[in-house]
Amino acid sequence: MTETKLELGNRKDVDCGIFDLYVNNVLDSSEYDDYIAVLEEVYREITLTQPIKKGLNTIELRVNGKNVASSNYAINLGGTSLQ
C-alpha cells in the first residue's frame, strides 16, 4: 500500500475555527486550528492514515471548535488535491 497525500490550500483568518479531517467517516487527523490575527494563505500536505479505495470516497473537514481568540467557526478552503 502506498501513502496518499492530501494537499489543502486555504486561508487562516480571525474568524476561522478548528477542524478534524475524516476519510470515509473515520477520523484521520485532528486539531487543525485556522485562527490567525492577520490573514494568511496556507498550504498543508497531510499524509492520510486512512486508505483511499478505488471508487467513491468521502473526505470531510468537520469543525470541532474554535480558538478562544477567533470570532467564528469558518473554514476557508481554497483547493484540494490527492497525490
N, C-alpha and C. Protein backbone atom coordinates (compact mmCIF):
# COMPACT_ATOMS: atom_id res chain seq x y z
N MET A 1 0.84 -1.18 0.00
CA MET A 1 0.00 0.00 0.00
C MET A 1 0.88 1.24 0.00
N THR A 2 0.57 2.20 -0.84
CA THR A 2 1.34 3.43 -0.89
C THR A 2 0.66 4.51 -0.07
N GLU A 3 1.43 5.51 0.31
CA GLU A 3 0.87 6.63 1.05
C GLU A 3 0.00 7.49 0.14
N THR A 4 -1.05 8.03 0.71
CA THR A 4 -1.86 9.01 0.00
C THR A 4 -1.69 10.34 0.70
N LYS A 5 -1.35 11.35 -0.07
CA LYS A 5 -1.20 12.69 0.49
C LYS A 5 -2.37 13.55 0.05
N LEU A 6 -2.93 14.28 1.01
CA LEU A 6 -3.97 15.25 0.75
C LEU A 6 -3.35 16.62 0.85
N GLU A 7 -3.48 17.38 -0.21
CA GLU A 7 -2.98 18.75 -0.21
C GLU A 7 -4.17 19.69 -0.05
N LEU A 8 -4.08 20.57 0.94
CA LEU A 8 -5.13 21.55 1.21
C LEU A 8 -4.55 22.95 1.07
N GLY A 9 -5.23 23.77 0.33
CA GLY A 9 -4.88 25.18 0.26
C GLY A 9 -6.03 25.97 0.84
N ASN A 10 -5.74 26.79 1.85
CA ASN A 10 -6.81 27.57 2.46
C ASN A 10 -6.26 28.84 3.10
N ARG A 11 -7.17 29.60 3.69
CA ARG A 11 -6.80 30.85 4.35
C ARG A 11 -7.06 30.75 5.84
N LYS A 12 -6.07 31.15 6.62
CA LYS A 12 -6.27 31.34 8.05
C LYS A 12 -6.70 32.78 8.25
N ASP A 13 -7.58 33.01 9.24
CA ASP A 13 -8.07 34.37 9.48
C ASP A 13 -8.64 34.47 10.90
N VAL A 14 -9.11 35.66 11.26
CA VAL A 14 -9.61 35.92 12.61
C VAL A 14 -10.94 35.23 12.90
N ASP A 15 -11.64 34.75 11.85
CA ASP A 15 -12.95 34.13 12.05
C ASP A 15 -12.94 32.61 11.83
N CYS A 16 -11.76 32.03 11.81
CA CYS A 16 -11.66 30.60 11.49
C CYS A 16 -11.69 29.71 12.72
N GLY A 17 -12.19 28.50 12.51
CA GLY A 17 -12.32 27.53 13.59
C GLY A 17 -11.24 26.46 13.56
N ILE A 18 -11.45 25.45 14.34
CA ILE A 18 -10.57 24.28 14.43
C ILE A 18 -11.32 23.12 13.79
N PHE A 19 -10.64 22.35 12.95
CA PHE A 19 -11.32 21.24 12.28
C PHE A 19 -10.55 19.94 12.38
N ASP A 20 -11.30 18.85 12.21
CA ASP A 20 -10.75 17.50 12.13
C ASP A 20 -10.94 17.00 10.70
N LEU A 21 -10.09 16.08 10.29
CA LEU A 21 -10.15 15.51 8.95
C LEU A 21 -10.65 14.07 9.03
N TYR A 22 -11.72 13.79 8.30
CA TYR A 22 -12.31 12.45 8.25
C TYR A 22 -12.21 11.89 6.84
N VAL A 23 -11.89 10.61 6.73
CA VAL A 23 -11.89 9.91 5.46
C VAL A 23 -12.88 8.75 5.58
N ASN A 24 -13.88 8.75 4.73
CA ASN A 24 -14.91 7.71 4.75
C ASN A 24 -15.50 7.51 6.14
N ASN A 25 -15.80 8.63 6.80
CA ASN A 25 -16.43 8.66 8.13
C ASN A 25 -15.53 8.19 9.27
N VAL A 26 -14.23 8.07 9.05
CA VAL A 26 -13.29 7.67 10.09
C VAL A 26 -12.32 8.82 10.32
N LEU A 27 -12.11 9.18 11.60
CA LEU A 27 -11.18 10.25 11.93
C LEU A 27 -9.78 9.90 11.45
N ASP A 28 -9.21 10.76 10.64
CA ASP A 28 -7.86 10.55 10.12
C ASP A 28 -6.85 11.37 10.91
N SER A 29 -7.13 12.64 11.15
CA SER A 29 -6.25 13.51 11.93
C SER A 29 -7.10 14.67 12.46
N SER A 30 -6.56 15.39 13.44
CA SER A 30 -7.41 16.38 14.11
C SER A 30 -6.65 17.63 14.56
N GLU A 31 -7.46 18.56 15.04
CA GLU A 31 -6.99 19.79 15.69
C GLU A 31 -6.23 20.73 14.76
N TYR A 32 -6.75 20.95 13.57
CA TYR A 32 -6.17 21.94 12.65
C TYR A 32 -6.79 23.29 12.99
N ASP A 33 -6.03 24.15 13.63
CA ASP A 33 -6.51 25.46 14.08
C ASP A 33 -6.19 26.50 13.01
N ASP A 34 -7.21 27.06 12.38
CA ASP A 34 -7.00 28.03 11.31
C ASP A 34 -7.17 29.48 11.76
N TYR A 35 -7.19 29.71 13.08
CA TYR A 35 -7.22 31.09 13.55
C TYR A 35 -5.83 31.71 13.39
N ILE A 36 -5.81 32.96 12.96
CA ILE A 36 -4.59 33.77 12.95
C ILE A 36 -5.03 35.23 12.98
N ALA A 37 -4.25 36.10 13.60
CA ALA A 37 -4.63 37.51 13.76
C ALA A 37 -4.61 38.29 12.45
N VAL A 38 -3.75 37.90 11.50
CA VAL A 38 -3.65 38.57 10.21
C VAL A 38 -3.82 37.52 9.11
N LEU A 39 -4.70 37.78 8.16
CA LEU A 39 -4.99 36.86 7.06
C LEU A 39 -3.72 36.27 6.46
N GLU A 40 -3.72 34.94 6.28
CA GLU A 40 -2.56 34.25 5.72
C GLU A 40 -3.02 33.09 4.85
N GLU A 41 -2.44 32.96 3.67
CA GLU A 41 -2.66 31.80 2.81
C GLU A 41 -1.79 30.66 3.34
N VAL A 42 -2.37 29.47 3.48
CA VAL A 42 -1.61 28.33 3.98
C VAL A 42 -1.74 27.15 3.03
N TYR A 43 -0.75 26.31 3.07
CA TYR A 43 -0.70 25.09 2.27
C TYR A 43 -0.32 23.96 3.20
N ARG A 44 -1.13 22.92 3.23
CA ARG A 44 -0.83 21.75 4.07
C ARG A 44 -0.71 20.52 3.19
N GLU A 45 0.25 19.69 3.50
CA GLU A 45 0.37 18.38 2.87
C GLU A 45 0.22 17.36 3.99
N ILE A 46 -0.89 16.65 3.99
CA ILE A 46 -1.24 15.71 5.06
C ILE A 46 -1.15 14.29 4.52
N THR A 47 -0.34 13.47 5.17
CA THR A 47 -0.27 12.06 4.81
C THR A 47 -1.43 11.35 5.52
N LEU A 48 -2.35 10.81 4.74
CA LEU A 48 -3.54 10.19 5.31
C LEU A 48 -3.21 8.87 6.00
N THR A 49 -3.88 8.61 7.10
CA THR A 49 -3.71 7.33 7.80
C THR A 49 -4.80 6.34 7.37
N GLN A 50 -5.88 6.85 6.79
CA GLN A 50 -6.98 6.01 6.30
C GLN A 50 -6.78 5.73 4.81
N PRO A 51 -7.10 4.52 4.37
CA PRO A 51 -6.90 4.20 2.95
C PRO A 51 -7.93 4.87 2.05
N ILE A 52 -7.48 5.23 0.87
CA ILE A 52 -8.37 5.69 -0.20
C ILE A 52 -8.58 4.48 -1.11
N LYS A 53 -9.84 4.08 -1.25
CA LYS A 53 -10.18 2.88 -2.03
C LYS A 53 -10.58 3.28 -3.43
N LYS A 54 -10.46 2.37 -4.34
CA LYS A 54 -10.94 2.61 -5.69
C LYS A 54 -12.44 2.85 -5.65
N GLY A 55 -12.90 3.87 -6.33
CA GLY A 55 -14.31 4.21 -6.33
C GLY A 55 -14.59 5.44 -5.50
N LEU A 56 -15.78 5.51 -4.95
CA LEU A 56 -16.23 6.68 -4.21
C LEU A 56 -15.62 6.73 -2.81
N ASN A 57 -15.06 7.87 -2.47
CA ASN A 57 -14.52 8.14 -1.13
C ASN A 57 -15.05 9.50 -0.68
N THR A 58 -15.15 9.67 0.64
CA THR A 58 -15.60 10.94 1.19
C THR A 58 -14.51 11.50 2.09
N ILE A 59 -14.14 12.74 1.83
CA ILE A 59 -13.18 13.45 2.68
C ILE A 59 -13.93 14.64 3.27
N GLU A 60 -13.92 14.73 4.60
CA GLU A 60 -14.67 15.79 5.28
C GLU A 60 -13.75 16.58 6.21
N LEU A 61 -13.99 17.88 6.26
CA LEU A 61 -13.38 18.74 7.26
C LEU A 61 -14.51 19.09 8.22
N ARG A 62 -14.44 18.59 9.44
CA ARG A 62 -15.52 18.81 10.42
C ARG A 62 -15.04 19.76 11.50
N VAL A 63 -15.74 20.87 11.65
CA VAL A 63 -15.42 21.84 12.69
C VAL A 63 -15.65 21.19 14.05
N ASN A 64 -14.67 21.33 14.95
CA ASN A 64 -14.84 20.77 16.29
C ASN A 64 -14.66 21.81 17.39
N GLY A 65 -14.61 23.09 17.02
CA GLY A 65 -14.47 24.16 18.00
C GLY A 65 -13.78 25.35 17.38
N LYS A 66 -13.32 26.25 18.25
CA LYS A 66 -12.60 27.40 17.76
C LYS A 66 -11.59 27.86 18.79
N ASN A 67 -10.60 28.53 18.32
CA ASN A 67 -9.61 29.18 19.17
C ASN A 67 -10.36 30.24 20.00
N VAL A 68 -9.97 30.45 21.24
CA VAL A 68 -10.68 31.43 22.09
C VAL A 68 -10.62 32.83 21.50
N ALA A 69 -9.60 33.12 20.70
CA ALA A 69 -9.46 34.45 20.09
C ALA A 69 -10.26 34.58 18.79
N SER A 70 -10.74 33.49 18.23
CA SER A 70 -11.46 33.52 16.96
C SER A 70 -12.88 34.07 17.14
N SER A 71 -13.36 34.77 16.11
CA SER A 71 -14.71 35.33 16.18
C SER A 71 -15.78 34.41 15.58
N ASN A 72 -15.36 33.27 15.00
CA ASN A 72 -16.33 32.38 14.37
C ASN A 72 -15.74 30.98 14.19
N TYR A 73 -16.39 30.16 13.38
CA TYR A 73 -16.01 28.76 13.16
C TYR A 73 -15.73 28.45 11.69
N ALA A 74 -15.37 29.44 10.89
CA ALA A 74 -15.24 29.27 9.45
C ALA A 74 -14.06 28.38 9.06
N ILE A 75 -14.23 27.73 7.89
CA ILE A 75 -13.13 27.04 7.21
C ILE A 75 -13.09 27.64 5.81
N ASN A 76 -11.99 28.27 5.45
CA ASN A 76 -11.85 28.93 4.16
C ASN A 76 -11.00 28.06 3.24
N LEU A 77 -11.62 27.03 2.68
CA LEU A 77 -10.91 26.09 1.82
C LEU A 77 -10.84 26.64 0.41
N GLY A 78 -9.61 26.67 -0.15
CA GLY A 78 -9.42 27.20 -1.49
C GLY A 78 -9.25 26.12 -2.53
N GLY A 79 -8.70 24.97 -2.14
CA GLY A 79 -8.49 23.91 -3.10
C GLY A 79 -7.92 22.67 -2.43
N THR A 80 -8.10 21.53 -3.10
CA THR A 80 -7.59 20.25 -2.59
C THR A 80 -7.03 19.42 -3.73
N SER A 81 -6.16 18.49 -3.36
CA SER A 81 -5.61 17.56 -4.33
C SER A 81 -5.20 16.30 -3.59
N LEU A 82 -5.40 15.14 -4.21
CA LEU A 82 -4.92 13.87 -3.67
C LEU A 82 -3.76 13.41 -4.52
N GLN A 83 -2.68 12.99 -3.88
CA GLN A 83 -1.50 12.51 -4.58
C GLN A 83 -1.21 11.09 -4.15
